Full PDB file with SEQRES, HELIX, SHEET, SSBOND, CRYST1, ORIGX, SCALE, CONECT and MASTER records, all heavy atoms in Angstrom:
SEQRES   1 A   40  THR CYS PRO GLU SER ALA GLN ILE ALA ALA LEU THR ALA          
SEQRES   2 A   40  ILE GLY LYS ALA LEU VAL ALA THR ALA TYR GLN LEU SER          
SEQRES   3 A   40  THR ILE SER GLN GLN LEU ALA ALA ALA ASN GLN HIS LEU          
SEQRES   4 A   40  ARG                                                          
HELIX    1 AA1 GLU A    4  LEU A   39  1                                  36    
CRYST1    1.000    1.000    1.000  90.00  90.00  90.00 P 1           1          
ORIGX1      1.000000  0.000000  0.000000        0.00000                         
ORIGX2      0.000000  1.000000  0.000000        0.00000                         
ORIGX3      0.000000  0.000000  1.000000        0.00000                         
SCALE1      1.000000  0.000000  0.000000        0.00000                         
SCALE2      0.000000  1.000000  0.000000        0.00000                         
SCALE3      0.000000  0.000000  1.000000        0.00000                         
ATOM      1  N   THR A   1     121.029  68.367 119.225  1.00  0.00           N  
ATOM      2  CA  THR A   1     121.092  69.707 119.799  1.00  0.00           C  
ATOM      3  C   THR A   1     121.005  70.711 118.661  1.00  0.00           C  
ATOM      4  O   THR A   1     121.656  70.544 117.631  1.00  0.00           O  
ATOM      5  CB  THR A   1     122.422  69.906 120.560  1.00  0.00           C  
ATOM      6  OG1 THR A   1     122.508  68.904 121.563  1.00  0.00           O  
ATOM      7  CG2 THR A   1     122.497  71.270 121.178  1.00  0.00           C  
ATOM      8  N   CYS A   2     120.197  71.706 118.864  1.00  0.00           N  
ATOM      9  CA  CYS A   2     120.063  72.738 117.849  1.00  0.00           C  
ATOM     10  C   CYS A   2     121.351  73.555 117.794  1.00  0.00           C  
ATOM     11  O   CYS A   2     121.850  74.002 118.836  1.00  0.00           O  
ATOM     12  CB  CYS A   2     118.880  73.638 118.203  1.00  0.00           C  
ATOM     13  SG  CYS A   2     118.494  74.833 116.937  1.00  0.00           S  
ATOM     14  N   PRO A   3     121.890  73.749 116.601  1.00  0.00           N  
ATOM     15  CA  PRO A   3     123.126  74.527 116.480  1.00  0.00           C  
ATOM     16  C   PRO A   3     122.942  75.947 117.021  1.00  0.00           C  
ATOM     17  O   PRO A   3     121.852  76.517 116.946  1.00  0.00           O  
ATOM     18  CB  PRO A   3     123.397  74.569 114.982  1.00  0.00           C  
ATOM     19  CG  PRO A   3     122.535  73.514 114.383  1.00  0.00           C  
ATOM     20  CD  PRO A   3     121.403  73.287 115.310  1.00  0.00           C  
ATOM     21  N   GLU A   4     124.007  76.489 117.558  1.00  0.00           N  
ATOM     22  CA  GLU A   4     123.950  77.843 118.108  1.00  0.00           C  
ATOM     23  C   GLU A   4     123.517  78.845 117.042  1.00  0.00           C  
ATOM     24  O   GLU A   4     122.769  79.777 117.328  1.00  0.00           O  
ATOM     25  CB  GLU A   4     125.305  78.240 118.682  1.00  0.00           C  
ATOM     26  CG  GLU A   4     125.290  79.567 119.392  1.00  0.00           C  
ATOM     27  CD  GLU A   4     126.621  79.895 120.049  1.00  0.00           C  
ATOM     28  OE1 GLU A   4     127.406  78.978 120.331  1.00  0.00           O  
ATOM     29  OE2 GLU A   4     126.859  81.094 120.275  1.00  0.00           O  
ATOM     30  N   SER A   5     123.955  78.636 115.819  1.00  0.00           N  
ATOM     31  CA  SER A   5     123.581  79.561 114.743  1.00  0.00           C  
ATOM     32  C   SER A   5     122.069  79.556 114.508  1.00  0.00           C  
ATOM     33  O   SER A   5     121.471  80.599 114.233  1.00  0.00           O  
ATOM     34  CB  SER A   5     124.310  79.215 113.446  1.00  0.00           C  
ATOM     35  OG  SER A   5     123.989  77.893 113.037  1.00  0.00           O  
ATOM     36  N   ALA A   6     121.439  78.375 114.637  1.00  0.00           N  
ATOM     37  CA  ALA A   6     119.989  78.296 114.477  1.00  0.00           C  
ATOM     38  C   ALA A   6     119.279  78.970 115.645  1.00  0.00           C  
ATOM     39  O   ALA A   6     118.250  79.620 115.469  1.00  0.00           O  
ATOM     40  CB  ALA A   6     119.542  76.847 114.359  1.00  0.00           C  
ATOM     41  N   GLN A   7     119.842  78.823 116.836  1.00  0.00           N  
ATOM     42  CA  GLN A   7     119.263  79.486 118.006  1.00  0.00           C  
ATOM     43  C   GLN A   7     119.348  81.004 117.853  1.00  0.00           C  
ATOM     44  O   GLN A   7     118.395  81.720 118.144  1.00  0.00           O  
ATOM     45  CB  GLN A   7     119.974  79.031 119.276  1.00  0.00           C  
ATOM     46  CG  GLN A   7     119.741  77.571 119.609  1.00  0.00           C  
ATOM     47  CD  GLN A   7     120.569  77.115 120.799  1.00  0.00           C  
ATOM     48  OE1 GLN A   7     121.081  77.925 121.547  1.00  0.00           O  
ATOM     49  NE2 GLN A   7     120.688  75.809 120.967  1.00  0.00           N  
ATOM     50  N   ILE A   8     120.487  81.468 117.376  1.00  0.00           N  
ATOM     51  CA  ILE A   8     120.661  82.905 117.149  1.00  0.00           C  
ATOM     52  C   ILE A   8     119.698  83.387 116.066  1.00  0.00           C  
ATOM     53  O   ILE A   8     119.078  84.446 116.202  1.00  0.00           O  
ATOM     54  CB  ILE A   8     122.122  83.229 116.783  1.00  0.00           C  
ATOM     55  CG1 ILE A   8     123.018  82.992 117.998  1.00  0.00           C  
ATOM     56  CG2 ILE A   8     122.264  84.664 116.272  1.00  0.00           C  
ATOM     57  CD1 ILE A   8     124.499  83.046 117.704  1.00  0.00           C  
ATOM     58  N   ALA A   9     119.550  82.618 115.008  1.00  0.00           N  
ATOM     59  CA  ALA A   9     118.621  82.983 113.939  1.00  0.00           C  
ATOM     60  C   ALA A   9     117.189  83.051 114.471  1.00  0.00           C  
ATOM     61  O   ALA A   9     116.422  83.957 114.114  1.00  0.00           O  
ATOM     62  CB  ALA A   9     118.711  81.982 112.789  1.00  0.00           C  
ATOM     63  N   ALA A  10     116.826  82.098 115.325  1.00  0.00           N  
ATOM     64  CA  ALA A  10     115.475  82.090 115.888  1.00  0.00           C  
ATOM     65  C   ALA A  10     115.252  83.315 116.765  1.00  0.00           C  
ATOM     66  O   ALA A  10     114.211  83.975 116.664  1.00  0.00           O  
ATOM     67  CB  ALA A  10     115.258  80.814 116.694  1.00  0.00           C  
ATOM     68  N   LEU A  11     116.211  83.624 117.620  1.00  0.00           N  
ATOM     69  CA  LEU A  11     116.071  84.791 118.489  1.00  0.00           C  
ATOM     70  C   LEU A  11     116.054  86.090 117.681  1.00  0.00           C  
ATOM     71  O   LEU A  11     115.312  87.020 118.000  1.00  0.00           O  
ATOM     72  CB  LEU A  11     117.194  84.821 119.525  1.00  0.00           C  
ATOM     73  CG  LEU A  11     117.115  83.726 120.593  1.00  0.00           C  
ATOM     74  CD1 LEU A  11     118.367  83.747 121.454  1.00  0.00           C  
ATOM     75  CD2 LEU A  11     115.864  83.875 121.440  1.00  0.00           C  
ATOM     76  N   THR A  12     116.859  86.148 116.635  1.00  0.00           N  
ATOM     77  CA  THR A  12     116.863  87.325 115.767  1.00  0.00           C  
ATOM     78  C   THR A  12     115.513  87.492 115.087  1.00  0.00           C  
ATOM     79  O   THR A  12     114.969  88.604 115.017  1.00  0.00           O  
ATOM     80  CB  THR A  12     117.983  87.209 114.711  1.00  0.00           C  
ATOM     81  OG1 THR A  12     119.225  87.103 115.379  1.00  0.00           O  
ATOM     82  CG2 THR A  12     117.999  88.410 113.782  1.00  0.00           C  
ATOM     83  N   ALA A  13     114.951  86.396 114.594  1.00  0.00           N  
ATOM     84  CA  ALA A  13     113.641  86.450 113.937  1.00  0.00           C  
ATOM     85  C   ALA A  13     112.565  86.896 114.916  1.00  0.00           C  
ATOM     86  O   ALA A  13     111.715  87.728 114.581  1.00  0.00           O  
ATOM     87  CB  ALA A  13     113.293  85.084 113.350  1.00  0.00           C  
ATOM     88  N   ILE A  14     112.610  86.357 116.121  1.00  0.00           N  
ATOM     89  CA  ILE A  14     111.628  86.747 117.136  1.00  0.00           C  
ATOM     90  C   ILE A  14     111.780  88.232 117.465  1.00  0.00           C  
ATOM     91  O   ILE A  14     110.789  88.967 117.553  1.00  0.00           O  
ATOM     92  CB  ILE A  14     111.791  85.877 118.403  1.00  0.00           C  
ATOM     93  CG1 ILE A  14     111.347  84.444 118.095  1.00  0.00           C  
ATOM     94  CG2 ILE A  14     110.990  86.446 119.569  1.00  0.00           C  
ATOM     95  CD1 ILE A  14     111.748  83.425 119.152  1.00  0.00           C  
ATOM     96  N   GLY A  15     113.006  88.684 117.617  1.00  0.00           N  
ATOM     97  CA  GLY A  15     113.251  90.098 117.898  1.00  0.00           C  
ATOM     98  C   GLY A  15     112.728  91.000 116.797  1.00  0.00           C  
ATOM     99  O   GLY A  15     112.077  92.012 117.064  1.00  0.00           O  
ATOM    100  N   LYS A  16     113.002  90.636 115.547  1.00  0.00           N  
ATOM    101  CA  LYS A  16     112.525  91.441 114.420  1.00  0.00           C  
ATOM    102  C   LYS A  16     111.004  91.450 114.355  1.00  0.00           C  
ATOM    103  O   LYS A  16     110.392  92.481 114.062  1.00  0.00           O  
ATOM    104  CB  LYS A  16     113.115  90.929 113.102  1.00  0.00           C  
ATOM    105  CG  LYS A  16     114.570  91.273 112.926  1.00  0.00           C  
ATOM    106  CD  LYS A  16     115.076  90.869 111.553  1.00  0.00           C  
ATOM    107  CE  LYS A  16     116.497  91.329 111.353  1.00  0.00           C  
ATOM    108  NZ  LYS A  16     116.928  91.214 109.970  1.00  0.00           N  
ATOM    109  N   ALA A  17     110.394  90.308 114.631  1.00  0.00           N  
ATOM    110  CA  ALA A  17     108.934  90.240 114.626  1.00  0.00           C  
ATOM    111  C   ALA A  17     108.348  91.107 115.736  1.00  0.00           C  
ATOM    112  O   ALA A  17     107.333  91.786 115.545  1.00  0.00           O  
ATOM    113  CB  ALA A  17     108.468  88.796 114.772  1.00  0.00           C  
ATOM    114  N   LEU A  18     108.995  91.113 116.900  1.00  0.00           N  
ATOM    115  CA  LEU A  18     108.523  91.950 118.004  1.00  0.00           C  
ATOM    116  C   LEU A  18     108.650  93.436 117.671  1.00  0.00           C  
ATOM    117  O   LEU A  18     107.752  94.224 117.975  1.00  0.00           O  
ATOM    118  CB  LEU A  18     109.293  91.626 119.286  1.00  0.00           C  
ATOM    119  CG  LEU A  18     108.946  90.291 119.941  1.00  0.00           C  
ATOM    120  CD1 LEU A  18     109.917  90.007 121.083  1.00  0.00           C  
ATOM    121  CD2 LEU A  18     107.514  90.279 120.442  1.00  0.00           C  
ATOM    122  N   VAL A  19     109.749  93.816 117.047  1.00  0.00           N  
ATOM    123  CA  VAL A  19     109.932  95.213 116.651  1.00  0.00           C  
ATOM    124  C   VAL A  19     108.870  95.614 115.617  1.00  0.00           C  
ATOM    125  O   VAL A  19     108.264  96.686 115.720  1.00  0.00           O  
ATOM    126  CB  VAL A  19     111.357  95.455 116.099  1.00  0.00           C  
ATOM    127  CG1 VAL A  19     111.475  96.815 115.429  1.00  0.00           C  
ATOM    128  CG2 VAL A  19     112.377  95.320 117.213  1.00  0.00           C  
ATOM    129  N   ALA A  20     108.621  94.761 114.652  1.00  0.00           N  
ATOM    130  CA  ALA A  20     107.607  95.058 113.637  1.00  0.00           C  
ATOM    131  C   ALA A  20     106.221  95.179 114.277  1.00  0.00           C  
ATOM    132  O   ALA A  20     105.447  96.077 113.940  1.00  0.00           O  
ATOM    133  CB  ALA A  20     107.603  93.977 112.558  1.00  0.00           C  
ATOM    134  N   THR A  21     105.923  94.297 115.224  1.00  0.00           N  
ATOM    135  CA  THR A  21     104.637  94.345 115.908  1.00  0.00           C  
ATOM    136  C   THR A  21     104.516  95.621 116.739  1.00  0.00           C  
ATOM    137  O   THR A  21     103.469  96.273 116.736  1.00  0.00           O  
ATOM    138  CB  THR A  21     104.451  93.103 116.804  1.00  0.00           C  
ATOM    139  OG1 THR A  21     104.519  91.939 115.985  1.00  0.00           O  
ATOM    140  CG2 THR A  21     103.130  93.132 117.530  1.00  0.00           C  
ATOM    141  N   ALA A  22     105.574  95.988 117.427  1.00  0.00           N  
ATOM    142  CA  ALA A  22     105.561  97.215 118.233  1.00  0.00           C  
ATOM    143  C   ALA A  22     105.334  98.427 117.345  1.00  0.00           C  
ATOM    144  O   ALA A  22     104.573  99.339 117.700  1.00  0.00           O  
ATOM    145  CB  ALA A  22     106.872  97.355 119.004  1.00  0.00           C  
ATOM    146  N   TYR A  23     105.958  98.452 116.188  1.00  0.00           N  
ATOM    147  CA  TYR A  23     105.773  99.565 115.249  1.00  0.00           C  
ATOM    148  C   TYR A  23     104.320  99.624 114.778  1.00  0.00           C  
ATOM    149  O   TYR A  23     103.722 100.699 114.715  1.00  0.00           O  
ATOM    150  CB  TYR A  23     106.726  99.422 114.056  1.00  0.00           C  
ATOM    151  CG  TYR A  23     106.539 100.514 113.036  1.00  0.00           C  
ATOM    152  CD1 TYR A  23     107.045 101.789 113.269  1.00  0.00           C  
ATOM    153  CD2 TYR A  23     105.851 100.270 111.855  1.00  0.00           C  
ATOM    154  CE1 TYR A  23     106.867 102.803 112.338  1.00  0.00           C  
ATOM    155  CE2 TYR A  23     105.656 101.283 110.927  1.00  0.00           C  
ATOM    156  CZ  TYR A  23     106.171 102.546 111.173  1.00  0.00           C  
ATOM    157  OH  TYR A  23     105.978 103.540 110.260  1.00  0.00           O  
ATOM    158  N   GLN A  24     103.752  98.469 114.446  1.00  0.00           N  
ATOM    159  CA  GLN A  24     102.358  98.430 114.001  1.00  0.00           C  
ATOM    160  C   GLN A  24     101.419  98.906 115.109  1.00  0.00           C  
ATOM    161  O   GLN A  24     100.481  99.666 114.854  1.00  0.00           O  
ATOM    162  CB  GLN A  24     101.977  97.015 113.553  1.00  0.00           C  
ATOM    163  CG  GLN A  24     102.663  96.580 112.272  1.00  0.00           C  
ATOM    164  CD  GLN A  24     102.482  95.099 111.979  1.00  0.00           C  
ATOM    165  OE1 GLN A  24     102.099  94.332 112.851  1.00  0.00           O  
ATOM    166  NE2 GLN A  24     102.776  94.703 110.757  1.00  0.00           N  
ATOM    167  N   LEU A  25     101.675  98.476 116.342  1.00  0.00           N  
ATOM    168  CA  LEU A  25     100.843  98.900 117.469  1.00  0.00           C  
ATOM    169  C   LEU A  25     100.978 100.401 117.711  1.00  0.00           C  
ATOM    170  O   LEU A  25      99.993 101.073 118.027  1.00  0.00           O  
ATOM    171  CB  LEU A  25     101.201  98.116 118.726  1.00  0.00           C  
ATOM    172  CG  LEU A  25     100.789  96.648 118.726  1.00  0.00           C  
ATOM    173  CD1 LEU A  25     101.348  95.943 119.964  1.00  0.00           C  
ATOM    174  CD2 LEU A  25      99.282  96.500 118.663  1.00  0.00           C  
ATOM    175  N   SER A  26     102.167 100.928 117.562  1.00  0.00           N  
ATOM    176  CA  SER A  26     102.382 102.363 117.716  1.00  0.00           C  
ATOM    177  C   SER A  26     101.599 103.141 116.667  1.00  0.00           C  
ATOM    178  O   SER A  26     100.959 104.152 116.974  1.00  0.00           O  
ATOM    179  CB  SER A  26     103.873 102.680 117.598  1.00  0.00           C  
ATOM    180  OG  SER A  26     104.087 104.066 117.616  1.00  0.00           O  
ATOM    181  N   THR A  27     101.640 102.671 115.433  1.00  0.00           N  
ATOM    182  CA  THR A  27     100.903 103.320 114.354  1.00  0.00           C  
ATOM    183  C   THR A  27      99.404 103.295 114.625  1.00  0.00           C  
ATOM    184  O   THR A  27      98.711 104.304 114.466  1.00  0.00           O  
ATOM    185  CB  THR A  27     101.215 102.633 113.003  1.00  0.00           C  
ATOM    186  OG1 THR A  27     102.624 102.710 112.770  1.00  0.00           O  
ATOM    187  CG2 THR A  27     100.475 103.286 111.854  1.00  0.00           C  
ATOM    188  N   ILE A  28      98.899 102.142 115.046  1.00  0.00           N  
ATOM    189  CA  ILE A  28      97.474 102.014 115.365  1.00  0.00           C  
ATOM    190  C   ILE A  28      97.101 102.946 116.518  1.00  0.00           C  
ATOM    191  O   ILE A  28      96.069 103.619 116.481  1.00  0.00           O  
ATOM    192  CB  ILE A  28      97.121 100.549 115.699  1.00  0.00           C  
ATOM    193  CG1 ILE A  28      97.229  99.687 114.444  1.00  0.00           C  
ATOM    194  CG2 ILE A  28      95.721 100.445 116.302  1.00  0.00           C  
ATOM    195  CD1 ILE A  28      97.191  98.196 114.710  1.00  0.00           C  
ATOM    196  N   SER A  29      97.952 103.009 117.530  1.00  0.00           N  
ATOM    197  CA  SER A  29      97.702 103.882 118.675  1.00  0.00           C  
ATOM    198  C   SER A  29      97.621 105.340 118.239  1.00  0.00           C  
ATOM    199  O   SER A  29      96.738 106.087 118.682  1.00  0.00           O  
ATOM    200  CB  SER A  29      98.808 103.698 119.715  1.00  0.00           C  
ATOM    201  OG  SER A  29      98.628 104.576 120.790  1.00  0.00           O  
ATOM    202  N   GLN A  30      98.515 105.761 117.369  1.00  0.00           N  
ATOM    203  CA  GLN A  30      98.502 107.134 116.863  1.00  0.00           C  
ATOM    204  C   GLN A  30      97.229 107.408 116.068  1.00  0.00           C  
ATOM    205  O   GLN A  30      96.634 108.482 116.192  1.00  0.00           O  
ATOM    206  CB  GLN A  30      99.731 107.393 116.005  1.00  0.00           C  
ATOM    207  CG  GLN A  30     101.021 107.430 116.785  1.00  0.00           C  
ATOM    208  CD  GLN A  30     102.250 107.490 115.894  1.00  0.00           C  
ATOM    209  OE1 GLN A  30     102.156 107.516 114.681  1.00  0.00           O  
ATOM    210  NE2 GLN A  30     103.431 107.500 116.513  1.00  0.00           N  
ATOM    211  N   GLN A  31      96.802 106.437 115.266  1.00  0.00           N  
ATOM    212  CA  GLN A  31      95.578 106.604 114.481  1.00  0.00           C  
ATOM    213  C   GLN A  31      94.358 106.705 115.389  1.00  0.00           C  
ATOM    214  O   GLN A  31      93.456 107.521 115.153  1.00  0.00           O  
ATOM    215  CB  GLN A  31      95.418 105.455 113.491  1.00  0.00           C  
ATOM    216  CG  GLN A  31      96.458 105.461 112.396  1.00  0.00           C  
ATOM    217  CD  GLN A  31      96.450 104.186 111.560  1.00  0.00           C  
ATOM    218  OE1 GLN A  31      95.945 103.162 111.984  1.00  0.00           O  
ATOM    219  NE2 GLN A  31      97.035 104.266 110.372  1.00  0.00           N  
ATOM    220  N   LEU A  32      94.324 105.887 116.434  1.00  0.00           N  
ATOM    221  CA  LEU A  32      93.208 105.936 117.383  1.00  0.00           C  
ATOM    222  C   LEU A  32      93.191 107.266 118.133  1.00  0.00           C  
ATOM    223  O   LEU A  32      92.117 107.838 118.362  1.00  0.00           O  
ATOM    224  CB  LEU A  32      93.288 104.768 118.366  1.00  0.00           C  
ATOM    225  CG  LEU A  32      92.959 103.399 117.793  1.00  0.00           C  
ATOM    226  CD1 LEU A  32      93.265 102.314 118.821  1.00  0.00           C  
ATOM    227  CD2 LEU A  32      91.502 103.324 117.359  1.00  0.00           C  
ATOM    228  N   ALA A  33      94.351 107.752 118.520  1.00  0.00           N  
ATOM    229  CA  ALA A  33      94.427 109.041 119.212  1.00  0.00           C  
ATOM    230  C   ALA A  33      93.929 110.169 118.315  1.00  0.00           C  
ATOM    231  O   ALA A  33      93.192 111.058 118.767  1.00  0.00           O  
ATOM    232  CB  ALA A  33      95.859 109.310 119.672  1.00  0.00           C  
ATOM    233  N   ALA A  34      94.310 110.129 117.049  1.00  0.00           N  
ATOM    234  CA  ALA A  34      93.859 111.154 116.106  1.00  0.00           C  
ATOM    235  C   ALA A  34      92.346 111.070 115.904  1.00  0.00           C  
ATOM    236  O   ALA A  34      91.658 112.099 115.862  1.00  0.00           O  
ATOM    237  CB  ALA A  34      94.591 110.995 114.772  1.00  0.00           C  
ATOM    238  N   ALA A  35      91.832 109.853 115.787  1.00  0.00           N  
ATOM    239  CA  ALA A  35      90.379 109.687 115.615  1.00  0.00           C  
ATOM    240  C   ALA A  35      89.636 110.162 116.857  1.00  0.00           C  
ATOM    241  O   ALA A  35      88.581 110.818 116.750  1.00  0.00           O  
ATOM    242  CB  ALA A  35      90.053 108.226 115.324  1.00  0.00           C  
ATOM    243  N   ASN A  36      90.159 109.856 118.018  1.00  0.00           N  
ATOM    244  CA  ASN A  36      89.557 110.296 119.271  1.00  0.00           C  
ATOM    245  C   ASN A  36      89.530 111.807 119.361  1.00  0.00           C  
ATOM    246  O   ASN A  36      88.524 112.406 119.756  1.00  0.00           O  
ATOM    247  CB  ASN A  36      90.315 109.694 120.455  1.00  0.00           C  
ATOM    248  CG  ASN A  36      89.612 109.911 121.765  1.00  0.00           C  
ATOM    249  OD1 ASN A  36      88.389 109.970 121.819  1.00  0.00           O  
ATOM    250  ND2 ASN A  36      90.384 110.054 122.825  1.00  0.00           N  
ATOM    251  N   GLN A  37      90.631 112.448 118.998  1.00  0.00           N  
ATOM    252  CA  GLN A  37      90.701 113.902 119.011  1.00  0.00           C  
ATOM    253  C   GLN A  37      89.690 114.495 118.032  1.00  0.00           C  
ATOM    254  O   GLN A  37      89.018 115.488 118.347  1.00  0.00           O  
ATOM    255  CB  GLN A  37      92.116 114.364 118.666  1.00  0.00           C  
ATOM    256  CG  GLN A  37      92.323 115.853 118.823  1.00  0.00           C  
ATOM    257  CD  GLN A  37      92.144 116.311 120.263  1.00  0.00           C  
ATOM    258  OE1 GLN A  37      92.594 115.639 121.188  1.00  0.00           O  
ATOM    259  NE2 GLN A  37      91.500 117.433 120.469  1.00  0.00           N  
ATOM    260  N   HIS A  38      89.561 113.882 116.884  1.00  0.00           N  
ATOM    261  CA  HIS A  38      88.614 114.356 115.864  1.00  0.00           C  
ATOM    262  C   HIS A  38      87.188 114.258 116.409  1.00  0.00           C  
ATOM    263  O   HIS A  38      86.379 115.172 116.215  1.00  0.00           O  
ATOM    264  CB  HIS A  38      88.766 113.526 114.585  1.00  0.00           C  
ATOM    265  CG  HIS A  38      87.810 113.880 113.512  1.00  0.00           C  
ATOM    266  ND1 HIS A  38      87.908 115.056 112.807  1.00  0.00           N  
ATOM    267  CD2 HIS A  38      86.705 113.235 113.031  1.00  0.00           C  
ATOM    268  CE1 HIS A  38      86.913 115.111 111.940  1.00  0.00           C  
ATOM    269  NE2 HIS A  38      86.174 114.029 112.046  1.00  0.00           N  
ATOM    270  N   LEU A  39      86.871 113.158 117.076  1.00  0.00           N  
ATOM    271  CA  LEU A  39      85.540 112.999 117.647  1.00  0.00           C  
ATOM    272  C   LEU A  39      85.257 114.019 118.744  1.00  0.00           C  
ATOM    273  O   LEU A  39      84.134 114.524 118.862  1.00  0.00           O  
ATOM    274  CB  LEU A  39      85.377 111.583 118.208  1.00  0.00           C  
ATOM    275  CG  LEU A  39      85.292 110.458 117.169  1.00  0.00           C  
ATOM    276  CD1 LEU A  39      85.308 109.099 117.856  1.00  0.00           C  
ATOM    277  CD2 LEU A  39      84.039 110.614 116.315  1.00  0.00           C  
ATOM    278  N   ARG A  40      86.253 114.351 119.515  1.00  0.00           N  
ATOM    279  CA  ARG A  40      86.072 115.346 120.582  1.00  0.00           C  
ATOM    280  C   ARG A  40      85.854 116.735 120.024  1.00  0.00           C  
ATOM    281  O   ARG A  40      85.186 117.574 120.632  1.00  0.00           O  
ATOM    282  CB  ARG A  40      87.289 115.353 121.506  1.00  0.00           C  
ATOM    283  CG  ARG A  40      87.375 114.127 122.386  1.00  0.00           C  
ATOM    284  CD  ARG A  40      88.611 114.164 123.234  1.00  0.00           C  
ATOM    285  NE  ARG A  40      88.751 112.927 123.944  1.00  0.00           N  
ATOM    286  CZ  ARG A  40      89.108 112.827 125.204  1.00  0.00           C  
ATOM    287  NH1 ARG A  40      89.370 113.916 125.909  1.00  0.00           N  
ATOM    288  NH2 ARG A  40      89.203 111.654 125.775  1.00  0.00           N  
TER     289      ARG A  40                                                      
MASTER        0    0    0    1    0    0    0    6  288    1    0    4          
END                                                                             
């Protein structure tokens, strides 16, 4: 059985990765919006 501490570490890592990905997607979205506005 995987120790609870390892399960918590795995969930924490997944959470941090999701937050980092969301931040990257937000940044890309802002850049695309700015580029779109510039083109208009």
